[in-house]
PDB file of all heavy atoms in Angstrom:
ATOM      1  N   ASP A   1     111.141 -24.894  43.840  1.00  0.00           N
ATOM      2  CA  ASP A   1     111.549 -25.024  45.239  1.00  0.00           C
ATOM      3  C   ASP A   1     110.974 -23.877  46.078  1.00  0.00           C
ATOM      4  O   ASP A   1     110.823 -24.019  47.285  1.00  0.00           O
ATOM      5  CB  ASP A   1     113.080 -25.005  45.349  1.00  0.00           C
ATOM      6  CG  ASP A   1     113.736 -26.129  44.578  1.00  0.00           C
ATOM      7  OD1 ASP A   1     113.269 -27.280  44.709  1.00  0.00           O
ATOM      8  OD2 ASP A   1     114.694 -25.865  43.826  1.00  0.00           O
ATOM      9  N   VAL A   2     110.689 -22.770  45.421  1.00  0.00           N
ATOM     10  CA  VAL A   2     110.122 -21.604  46.093  1.00  0.00           C
ATOM     11  C   VAL A   2     109.321 -20.789  45.077  1.00  0.00           C
ATOM     12  O   VAL A   2     109.643 -20.783  43.887  1.00  0.00           O
ATOM     13  CB  VAL A   2     111.234 -20.740  46.747  1.00  0.00           C
ATOM     14  CG1 VAL A   2     112.178 -20.185  45.681  1.00  0.00           C
ATOM     15  CG2 VAL A   2     110.647 -19.607  47.570  1.00  0.00           C
ATOM     16  N   ILE A   3     108.270 -20.145  45.563  1.00  0.00           N
ATOM     17  CA  ILE A   3     107.428 -19.304  44.713  1.00  0.00           C
ATOM     18  C   ILE A   3     107.358 -17.894  45.285  1.00  0.00           C
ATOM     19  O   ILE A   3     107.128 -17.723  46.478  1.00  0.00           O
ATOM     20  CB  ILE A   3     106.000 -19.879  44.601  1.00  0.00           C
ATOM     21  CG1 ILE A   3     106.014 -21.244  43.911  1.00  0.00           C
ATOM     22  CG2 ILE A   3     105.083 -18.906  43.839  1.00  0.00           C
ATOM     23  CD1 ILE A   3     104.659 -21.938  43.923  1.00  0.00           C
ATOM     24  N   PHE A   4     107.570 -16.901  44.437  1.00  0.00           N
ATOM     25  CA  PHE A   4     107.335 -15.494  44.767  1.00  0.00           C
ATOM     26  C   PHE A   4     106.164 -15.046  43.914  1.00  0.00           C
ATOM     27  O   PHE A   4     106.128 -15.305  42.714  1.00  0.00           O
ATOM     28  CB  PHE A   4     108.549 -14.626  44.430  1.00  0.00           C
ATOM     29  CG  PHE A   4     109.758 -14.837  45.320  1.00  0.00           C
ATOM     30  CD1 PHE A   4     110.995 -14.311  44.951  1.00  0.00           C
ATOM     31  CD2 PHE A   4     109.673 -15.552  46.495  1.00  0.00           C
ATOM     32  CE1 PHE A   4     112.111 -14.501  45.750  1.00  0.00           C
ATOM     33  CE2 PHE A   4     110.796 -15.751  47.304  1.00  0.00           C
ATOM     34  CZ  PHE A   4     112.015 -15.218  46.930  1.00  0.00           C
ATOM     35  N   ALA A   5     105.207 -14.339  44.531  1.00  0.00           N
ATOM     36  CA  ALA A   5     104.010 -13.971  43.791  1.00  0.00           C
ATOM     37  C   ALA A   5     103.448 -12.633  44.193  1.00  0.00           C
ATOM     38  O   ALA A   5     103.616 -12.187  45.348  1.00  0.00           O
ATOM     39  CB  ALA A   5     102.937 -15.044  43.963  1.00  0.00           C
ATOM     40  N   CYS A   6     102.786 -11.964  43.244  1.00  0.00           N
ATOM     41  CA  CYS A   6     102.092 -10.718  43.516  1.00  0.00           C
ATOM     42  C   CYS A   6     100.853 -10.660  42.636  1.00  0.00           C
ATOM     43  O   CYS A   6     100.925 -10.939  41.441  1.00  0.00           O
ATOM     44  CB  CYS A   6     102.973  -9.513  43.250  1.00  0.00           C
ATOM     45  SG  CYS A   6     102.204  -7.927  43.654  1.00  0.00           S
ATOM     46  N   GLY A   7      99.713 -10.304  43.243  1.00  0.00           N
ATOM     47  CA  GLY A   7      98.492 -10.233  42.460  1.00  0.00           C
ATOM     48  C   GLY A   7      97.271 -10.141  43.348  1.00  0.00           C
ATOM     49  O   GLY A   7      97.376  -9.933  44.555  1.00  0.00           O
ATOM     50  N   PRO A   8      96.088 -10.322  42.777  1.00  0.00           N
ATOM     51  CA  PRO A   8      94.856 -10.219  43.552  1.00  0.00           C
ATOM     52  C   PRO A   8      94.733 -11.343  44.562  1.00  0.00           C
ATOM     53  O   PRO A   8      95.321 -12.411  44.412  1.00  0.00           O
ATOM     54  CB  PRO A   8      93.778 -10.293  42.471  1.00  0.00           C
ATOM     55  CG  PRO A   8      94.417 -10.990  41.324  1.00  0.00           C
ATOM     56  CD  PRO A   8      95.859 -10.578  41.351  1.00  0.00           C
ATOM     57  N   ALA A   9      93.932 -11.104  45.601  1.00  0.00           N
ATOM     58  CA  ALA A   9      93.800 -12.051  46.711  1.00  0.00           C
ATOM     59  C   ALA A   9      93.390 -13.456  46.290  1.00  0.00           C
ATOM     60  O   ALA A   9      93.944 -14.441  46.796  1.00  0.00           O
ATOM     61  CB  ALA A   9      92.832 -11.495  47.744  1.00  0.00           C
ATOM     62  N   PRO A  10      92.426 -13.633  45.358  1.00  0.00           N
ATOM     63  CA  PRO A  10      92.077 -15.005  44.959  1.00  0.00           C
ATOM     64  C   PRO A  10      93.259 -15.779  44.375  1.00  0.00           C
ATOM     65  O   PRO A  10      93.412 -16.977  44.640  1.00  0.00           O
ATOM     66  CB  PRO A  10      90.969 -14.797  43.920  1.00  0.00           C
ATOM     67  CG  PRO A  10      90.361 -13.476  44.283  1.00  0.00           C
ATOM     68  CD  PRO A  10      91.523 -12.639  44.736  1.00  0.00           C
ATOM     69  N   MET A  11      94.101 -15.103  43.612  1.00  0.00           N
ATOM     70  CA  MET A  11      95.282 -15.748  43.051  1.00  0.00           C
ATOM     71  C   MET A  11      96.257 -16.137  44.153  1.00  0.00           C
ATOM     72  O   MET A  11      96.780 -17.261  44.166  1.00  0.00           O
ATOM     73  CB  MET A  11      95.972 -14.815  42.051  1.00  0.00           C
ATOM     74  CG  MET A  11      97.146 -15.446  41.325  1.00  0.00           C
ATOM     75  SD  MET A  11      98.204 -14.235  40.491  1.00  0.00           S
ATOM     76  CE  MET A  11      99.412 -13.901  41.791  1.00  0.00           C
ATOM     77  N   LEU A  12      96.504 -15.232  45.087  1.00  0.00           N
ATOM     78  CA  LEU A  12      97.434 -15.512  46.176  1.00  0.00           C
ATOM     79  C   LEU A  12      96.909 -16.625  47.078  1.00  0.00           C
ATOM     80  O   LEU A  12      97.674 -17.478  47.553  1.00  0.00           O
ATOM     81  CB  LEU A  12      97.673 -14.242  47.003  1.00  0.00           C
ATOM     82  CG  LEU A  12      98.289 -13.057  46.246  1.00  0.00           C
ATOM     83  CD1 LEU A  12      98.507 -11.885  47.199  1.00  0.00           C
ATOM     84  CD2 LEU A  12      99.597 -13.437  45.559  1.00  0.00           C
ATOM     85  N   ARG A  13      95.605 -16.656  47.306  1.00  0.00           N
ATOM     86  CA  ARG A  13      94.994 -17.699  48.121  1.00  0.00           C
ATOM     87  C   ARG A  13      95.189 -19.068  47.467  1.00  0.00           C
ATOM     88  O   ARG A  13      95.544 -20.052  48.139  1.00  0.00           O
ATOM     89  CB  ARG A  13      93.517 -17.384  48.314  1.00  0.00           C
ATOM     90  CG  ARG A  13      92.820 -18.293  49.340  1.00  0.00           C
ATOM     91  CD  ARG A  13      91.347 -17.901  49.499  1.00  0.00           C
ATOM     92  NE  ARG A  13      91.213 -16.508  49.879  1.00  0.00           N
ATOM     93  CZ  ARG A  13      90.644 -15.556  49.129  1.00  0.00           C
ATOM     94  NH1 ARG A  13      90.145 -15.865  47.931  1.00  0.00           N
ATOM     95  NH2 ARG A  13      90.553 -14.307  49.552  1.00  0.00           N
ATOM     96  N   ALA A  14      94.994 -19.119  46.156  1.00  0.00           N
ATOM     97  CA  ALA A  14      95.165 -20.374  45.438  1.00  0.00           C
ATOM     98  C   ALA A  14      96.617 -20.844  45.465  1.00  0.00           C
ATOM     99  O   ALA A  14      96.887 -22.038  45.629  1.00  0.00           O
ATOM    100  CB  ALA A  14      94.689 -20.207  43.990  1.00  0.00           C
ATOM    101  N   LEU A  15      97.552 -19.917  45.332  1.00  0.00           N
ATOM    102  CA  LEU A  15      98.978 -20.276  45.378  1.00  0.00           C
ATOM    103  C   LEU A  15      99.389 -20.716  46.777  1.00  0.00           C
ATOM    104  O   LEU A  15     100.218 -21.615  46.932  1.00  0.00           O
ATOM    105  CB  LEU A  15      99.827 -19.093  44.925  1.00  0.00           C
ATOM    106  CG  LEU A  15      99.789 -18.780  43.424  1.00  0.00           C
ATOM    107  CD1 LEU A  15     100.457 -17.443  43.145  1.00  0.00           C
ATOM    108  CD2 LEU A  15     100.487 -19.892  42.622  1.00  0.00           C
ATOM    109  N   LYS A  16      98.799 -20.096  47.802  1.00  0.00           N
ATOM    110  CA  LYS A  16      99.072 -20.513  49.177  1.00  0.00           C
ATOM    111  C   LYS A  16      98.659 -21.963  49.373  1.00  0.00           C
ATOM    112  O   LYS A  16      99.404 -22.781  49.947  1.00  0.00           O
ATOM    113  CB  LYS A  16      98.340 -19.596  50.145  1.00  0.00           C
ATOM    114  CG  LYS A  16      98.489 -19.987  51.619  1.00  0.00           C
ATOM    115  CD  LYS A  16      97.707 -19.046  52.515  1.00  0.00           C
ATOM    116  CE  LYS A  16      97.821 -19.446  53.978  1.00  0.00           C
ATOM    117  NZ  LYS A  16      97.097 -18.513  54.883  1.00  0.00           N
ATOM    118  N   GLU A  17      97.461 -22.309  48.891  1.00  0.00           N
ATOM    119  CA  GLU A  17      96.971 -23.683  49.010  1.00  0.00           C
ATOM    120  C   GLU A  17      97.831 -24.643  48.190  1.00  0.00           C
ATOM    121  O   GLU A  17      98.139 -25.764  48.638  1.00  0.00           O
ATOM    122  CB  GLU A  17      95.519 -23.749  48.553  1.00  0.00           C
ATOM    123  CG  GLU A  17      94.564 -22.970  49.457  1.00  0.00           C
ATOM    124  CD  GLU A  17      93.142 -22.888  48.889  1.00  0.00           C
ATOM    125  OE1 GLU A  17      92.935 -23.418  47.762  1.00  0.00           O
ATOM    126  OE2 GLU A  17      92.284 -22.292  49.549  1.00  0.00           O
ATOM    127  N   TYR A  18      98.232 -24.220  46.990  1.00  0.00           N
ATOM    128  CA  TYR A  18      99.066 -25.043  46.128  1.00  0.00           C
ATOM    129  C   TYR A  18     100.419 -25.316  46.812  1.00  0.00           C
ATOM    130  O   TYR A  18     100.903 -26.461  46.830  1.00  0.00           O
ATOM    131  CB  TYR A  18      99.290 -24.323  44.802  1.00  0.00           C
ATOM    132  CG  TYR A  18     100.207 -25.022  43.839  1.00  0.00           C
ATOM    133  CD1 TYR A  18      99.755 -26.078  43.060  1.00  0.00           C
ATOM    134  CD2 TYR A  18     101.532 -24.607  43.685  1.00  0.00           C
ATOM    135  CE1 TYR A  18     100.609 -26.718  42.155  1.00  0.00           C
ATOM    136  CE2 TYR A  18     102.390 -25.224  42.796  1.00  0.00           C
ATOM    137  CZ  TYR A  18     101.921 -26.291  42.041  1.00  0.00           C
ATOM    138  OH  TYR A  18     102.768 -26.911  41.152  1.00  0.00           O
ATOM    139  N   GLY A  19     101.014 -24.271  47.390  1.00  0.00           N
ATOM    140  CA  GLY A  19     102.284 -24.438  48.075  1.00  0.00           C
ATOM    141  C   GLY A  19     102.183 -25.370  49.265  1.00  0.00           C
ATOM    142  O   GLY A  19     103.081 -26.184  49.511  1.00  0.00           O
ATOM    143  N   ALA A  20     101.071 -25.268  50.010  1.00  0.00           N
ATOM    144  CA  ALA A  20     100.875 -26.149  51.171  1.00  0.00           C
ATOM    145  C   ALA A  20     100.756 -27.605  50.732  1.00  0.00           C
ATOM    146  O   ALA A  20     101.300 -28.515  51.373  1.00  0.00           O
ATOM    147  CB  ALA A  20      99.638 -25.708  51.941  1.00  0.00           C
ATOM    148  N   GLN A  21     100.076 -27.842  49.624  1.00  0.00           N
ATOM    149  CA  GLN A  21      99.905 -29.194  49.111  1.00  0.00           C
ATOM    150  C   GLN A  21     101.219 -29.799  48.623  1.00  0.00           C
ATOM    151  O   GLN A  21     101.489 -30.986  48.814  1.00  0.00           O
ATOM    152  CB  GLN A  21      98.889 -29.207  47.965  1.00  0.00           C
ATOM    153  CG  GLN A  21      97.468 -28.855  48.377  1.00  0.00           C
ATOM    154  CD  GLN A  21      96.565 -28.605  47.189  1.00  0.00           C
ATOM    155  OE1 GLN A  21      96.983 -28.745  46.027  1.00  0.00           O
ATOM    156  NE2 GLN A  21      95.320 -28.245  47.449  1.00  0.00           N
ATOM    157  N   LYS A  22     102.041 -28.950  47.989  1.00  0.00           N
ATOM    158  CA  LYS A  22     103.294 -29.414  47.386  1.00  0.00           C
ATOM    159  C   LYS A  22     104.498 -29.306  48.320  1.00  0.00           C
ATOM    160  O   LYS A  22     105.591 -29.758  47.971  1.00  0.00           O
ATOM    161  CB  LYS A  22     103.580 -28.583  46.124  1.00  0.00           C
ATOM    162  CG  LYS A  22     102.534 -28.747  45.019  1.00  0.00           C
ATOM    163  CD  LYS A  22     102.601 -30.100  44.368  1.00  0.00           C
ATOM    164  CE  LYS A  22     101.689 -30.163  43.152  1.00  0.00           C
ATOM    165  NZ  LYS A  22     101.769 -31.482  42.476  1.00  0.00           N
ATOM    166  N   GLY A  23     104.311 -28.668  49.478  1.00  0.00           N
ATOM    167  CA  GLY A  23     105.433 -28.458  50.389  1.00  0.00           C
ATOM    168  C   GLY A  23     106.413 -27.412  49.875  1.00  0.00           C
ATOM    169  O   GLY A  23     107.622 -27.512  50.120  1.00  0.00           O
ATOM    170  N   ILE A  24     105.886 -26.416  49.168  1.00  0.00           N
ATOM    171  CA  ILE A  24     106.723 -25.345  48.587  1.00  0.00           C
ATOM    172  C   ILE A  24     106.447 -24.045  49.344  1.00  0.00           C
ATOM    173  O   ILE A  24     105.301 -23.631  49.469  1.00  0.00           O
ATOM    174  CB  ILE A  24     106.379 -25.136  47.093  1.00  0.00           C
ATOM    175  CG1 ILE A  24     106.531 -26.424  46.302  1.00  0.00           C
ATOM    176  CG2 ILE A  24     107.256 -24.024  46.510  1.00  0.00           C
ATOM    177  CD1 ILE A  24     106.000 -26.328  44.882  1.00  0.00           C
ATOM    178  N   PRO A  25     107.495 -23.379  49.860  1.00  0.00           N
ATOM    179  CA  PRO A  25     107.276 -22.086  50.495  1.00  0.00           C
ATOM    180  C   PRO A  25     106.837 -21.043  49.460  1.00  0.00           C
ATOM    181  O   PRO A  25     107.416 -20.963  48.376  1.00  0.00           O
ATOM    182  CB  PRO A  25     108.629 -21.734  51.115  1.00  0.00           C
ATOM    183  CG  PRO A  25     109.616 -22.567  50.365  1.00  0.00           C
ATOM    184  CD  PRO A  25     108.897 -23.818  49.947  1.00  0.00           C
ATOM    185  N   VAL A  26     105.792 -20.292  49.795  1.00  0.00           N
ATOM    186  CA  VAL A  26     105.260 -19.282  48.894  1.00  0.00           C
ATOM    187  C   VAL A  26     105.330 -17.922  49.581  1.00  0.00           C
ATOM    188  O   VAL A  26     104.765 -17.726  50.668  1.00  0.00           O
ATOM    189  CB  VAL A  26     103.790 -19.594  48.519  1.00  0.00           C
ATOM    190  CG1 VAL A  26     103.238 -18.521  47.600  1.00  0.00           C
ATOM    191  CG2 VAL A  26     103.665 -20.970  47.887  1.00  0.00           C
ATOM    192  N   TRP A  27     106.033 -16.994  48.957  1.00  0.00           N
ATOM    193  CA  TRP A  27     106.146 -15.622  49.458  1.00  0.00           C
ATOM    194  C   TRP A  27     105.250 -14.750  48.595  1.00  0.00           C
ATOM    195  O   TRP A  27     105.372 -14.736  47.372  1.00  0.00           O
ATOM    196  CB  TRP A  27     107.581 -15.134  49.413  1.00  0.00           C
ATOM    197  CG  TRP A  27     108.498 -15.871  50.354  1.00  0.00           C
ATOM    198  CD1 TRP A  27     109.152 -17.037  50.117  1.00  0.00           C
ATOM    199  CD2 TRP A  27     108.853 -15.477  51.672  1.00  0.00           C
ATOM    200  NE1 TRP A  27     109.889 -17.400  51.219  1.00  0.00           N
ATOM    201  CE2 TRP A  27     109.730 -16.448  52.186  1.00  0.00           C
ATOM    202  CE3 TRP A  27     108.523 -14.367  52.473  1.00  0.00           C
ATOM    203  CZ2 TRP A  27     110.270 -16.375  53.472  1.00  0.00           C
ATOM    204  CZ3 TRP A  27     109.058 -14.291  53.758  1.00  0.00           C
ATOM    205  CH2 TRP A  27     109.912 -15.285  54.239  1.00  0.00           C
ATOM    206  N   ILE A  28     104.324 -14.028  49.243  1.00  0.00           N
ATOM    207  CA  ILE A  28     103.327 -13.264  48.502  1.00  0.00           C
ATOM    208  C   ILE A  28     103.459 -11.765  48.802  1.00  0.00           C
ATOM    209  O   ILE A  28     103.748 -11.364  49.925  1.00  0.00           O
ATOM    210  CB  ILE A  28     101.904 -13.735  48.832  1.00  0.00           C
ATOM    211  CG1 ILE A  28     101.619 -13.609  50.327  1.00  0.00           C
ATOM    212  CG2 ILE A  28     101.699 -15.161  48.354  1.00  0.00           C
ATOM    213  CD1 ILE A  28     100.185 -13.884  50.699  1.00  0.00           C
ATOM    214  N   SER A  29     103.267 -10.975  47.770  1.00  0.00           N
ATOM    215  CA  SER A  29     103.199  -9.525  47.918  1.00  0.00           C
ATOM    216  C   SER A  29     101.725  -9.129  47.807  1.00  0.00           C
ATOM    217  O   SER A  29     101.106  -9.333  46.760  1.00  0.00           O
ATOM    218  CB  SER A  29     104.013  -8.825  46.841  1.00  0.00           C
ATOM    219  OG  SER A  29     103.916  -7.403  46.981  1.00  0.00           O
ATOM    220  N   MET A  30     101.176  -8.598  48.891  1.00  0.00           N
ATOM    221  CA  MET A  30      99.747  -8.361  48.968  1.00  0.00           C
ATOM    222  C   MET A  30      99.374  -6.982  48.431  1.00  0.00           C
ATOM    223  O   MET A  30     100.070  -5.984  48.643  1.00  0.00           O
ATOM    224  CB  MET A  30      99.278  -8.496  50.401  1.00  0.00           C
ATOM    225  CG  MET A  30      99.495  -9.888  50.967  1.00  0.00           C
ATOM    226  SD  MET A  30      98.888 -10.076  52.655  1.00  0.00           S
ATOM    227  CE  MET A  30      97.114  -9.926  52.400  1.00  0.00           C
ATOM    228  N   GLU A  31      98.243  -6.946  47.736  1.00  0.00           N
ATOM    229  CA  GLU A  31      97.683  -5.701  47.222  1.00  0.00           C
ATOM    230  C   GLU A  31      96.585  -5.243  48.169  1.00  0.00           C
ATOM    231  O   GLU A  31      95.581  -5.929  48.339  1.00  0.00           O
ATOM    232  CB  GLU A  31      97.111  -5.896  45.817  1.00  0.00           C
ATOM    233  CG  GLU A  31      98.135  -6.301  44.778  1.00  0.00           C
ATOM    234  CD  GLU A  31      97.496  -6.523  43.412  1.00  0.00           C
ATOM    235  OE1 GLU A  31      96.257  -6.623  43.334  1.00  0.00           O
ATOM    236  OE2 GLU A  31      98.249  -6.612  42.426  1.00  0.00           O
ATOM    237  N   GLU A  32      96.772  -4.111  48.803  1.00  0.00           N
ATOM    238  CA  GLU A  32      95.754  -3.565  49.702  1.00  0.00           C
ATOM    239  C   GLU A  32      95.656  -2.057  49.500  1.00  0.00           C
ATOM    240  O   GLU A  32      96.637  -1.401  49.128  1.00  0.00           O
ATOM    241  CB  GLU A  32      96.144  -3.826  51.179  1.00  0.00           C
ATOM    242  CG  GLU A  32      96.042  -5.262  51.605  1.00  0.00           C
ATOM    243  CD  GLU A  32      94.618  -5.730  51.775  1.00  0.00           C
ATOM    244  OE1 GLU A  32      93.722  -4.867  51.925  1.00  0.00           O
ATOM    245  OE2 GLU A  32      94.397  -6.970  51.746  1.00  0.00           O
ATOM    246  N   ARG A  33      94.475  -1.518  49.756  1.00  0.00           N
ATOM    247  CA  ARG A  33      94.320  -0.070  49.762  1.00  0.00           C
ATOM    248  C   ARG A  33      95.103   0.476  50.947  1.00  0.00           C
ATOM    249  O   ARG A  33      95.008  -0.038  52.055  1.00  0.00           O
ATOM    250  CB  ARG A  33      92.841   0.329  49.865  1.00  0.00           C
ATOM    251  CG  ARG A  33      92.040   0.022  48.616  1.00  0.00           C
ATOM    252  CD  ARG A  33      90.618   0.545  48.753  1.00  0.00           C
ATOM    253  NE  ARG A  33      89.846   0.292  47.539  1.00  0.00           N
ATOM    254  CZ  ARG A  33      89.822   1.085  46.501  1.00  0.00           C
ATOM    255  NH1 ARG A  33      90.553   2.213  46.497  1.00  0.00           N
ATOM    256  NH2 ARG A  33      89.107   0.808  45.444  1.00  0.00           N
ATOM    257  N   MET A  34      95.863   1.528  50.701  1.00  0.00           N
ATOM    258  CA  MET A  34      96.701   2.114  51.742  1.00  0.00           C
ATOM    259  C   MET A  34      96.398   3.582  51.908  1.00  0.00           C
ATOM    260  O   MET A  34      95.931   4.252  50.980  1.00  0.00           O
ATOM    261  CB  MET A  34      98.177   1.929  51.414  1.00  0.00           C
ATOM    262  CG  MET A  34      98.625   0.477  51.324  1.00  0.00           C
ATOM    263  SD  MET A  34     100.388   0.348  50.944  1.00  0.00           S
ATOM    264  CE  MET A  34     100.532  -1.433  50.729  1.00  0.00           C
ATOM    265  N   ALA A  35      96.680   4.092  53.099  1.00  0.00           N
ATOM    266  CA  ALA A  35      96.500   5.529  53.352  1.00  0.00           C
ATOM    267  C   ALA A  35      97.853   6.178  53.605  1.00  0.00           C
ATOM    268  O   ALA A  35      98.418   6.818  52.729  1.00  0.00           O
ATOM    269  CB  ALA A  35      95.559   5.723  54.553  1.00  0.00           C
ATOM    270  N   CYS A  36      98.432   5.936  54.789  1.00  0.00           N
ATOM    271  CA  CYS A  36      99.689   6.624  55.096  1.00  0.00           C
ATOM    272  C   CYS A  36     100.878   5.980  54.409  1.00  0.00           C
ATOM    273  O   CYS A  36     101.851   6.651  54.058  1.00  0.00           O
ATOM    274  CB  CYS A  36      99.913   6.648  56.624  1.00  0.00           C
ATOM    275  SG  CYS A  36     100.331   5.020  57.339  1.00  0.00           S
ATOM    276  N   GLY A  37     100.879   4.666  54.244  1.00  0.00           N
ATOM    277  CA  GLY A  37     101.989   3.964  53.616  1.00  0.00           C
ATOM    278  C   GLY A  37     103.169   3.670  54.509  1.00  0.00           C
ATOM    279  O   GLY A  37     104.154   3.090  54.086  1.00  0.00           O
ATOM    280  N   ILE A  38     103.091   4.079  55.795  1.00  0.00           N
ATOM    281  CA  ILE A  38     104.227   3.906  56.703  1.00  0.00           C
ATOM    282  C   ILE A  38     103.843   3.143  57.965  1.00  0.00           C
ATOM    283  O   ILE A  38     104.631   3.078  58.918  1.00  0.00           O
ATOM    284  CB  ILE A  38     104.847   5.256  57.086  1.00  0.00           C
ATOM    285  CG1 ILE A  38     103.806   6.181  57.728  1.00  0.00           C
ATOM    286  CG2 ILE A  38     105.456   5.919  55.841  1.00  0.00           C
ATOM    287  CD1 ILE A  38     104.404   7.490  58.255  1.00  0.00           C
ATOM    288  N   GLY A  39     102.640   2.611  58.043  1.00  0.00           N
ATOM    289  CA  GLY A  39     102.262   1.752  59.159  1.00  0.00           C
ATOM    290  C   GLY A  39     101.607   2.432  60.343  1.00  0.00           C
ATOM    291  O   GLY A  39     101.370   1.799  61.371  1.00  0.00           O
ATOM    292  N   ALA A  40     101.282   3.720  60.221  1.00  0.00           N
ATOM    293  CA  ALA A  40     100.729   4.439  61.354  1.00  0.00           C
ATOM    294  C   ALA A  40      99.214   4.373  61.465  1.00  0.00           C
ATOM    295  O   ALA A  40      98.653   4.384  62.554  1.00  0.00           O
ATOM    296  CB  ALA A  40     101.173   5.901  61.299  1.00  0.00           C
ATOM    297  N   CYS A  41      98.522   4.292  60.343  1.00  0.00           N
ATOM    298  CA  CYS A  41      97.064   4.483  60.341  1.00  0.00           C
ATOM    299  C   CYS A  41      96.265   3.174  60.443  1.00  0.00           C
ATOM    300  O   CYS A  41      95.069   3.207  60.741  1.00  0.00           O
ATOM    301  CB  CYS A  41      96.624   5.242  59.113  1.00  0.00           C
ATOM    302  SG  CYS A  41      96.767   4.278  57.576  1.00  0.00           S
TER     303      CYS A  41
END
């Protein structure tokens, strides 16, 4: 009924498309290079 996911962008992109096809909400935790970690930079 719902998907929670974390991983590399290609995996998250595929799950996003899968969720759209199946009508399942997909919540993703994105992996990105960070500097400040608090939203300022």
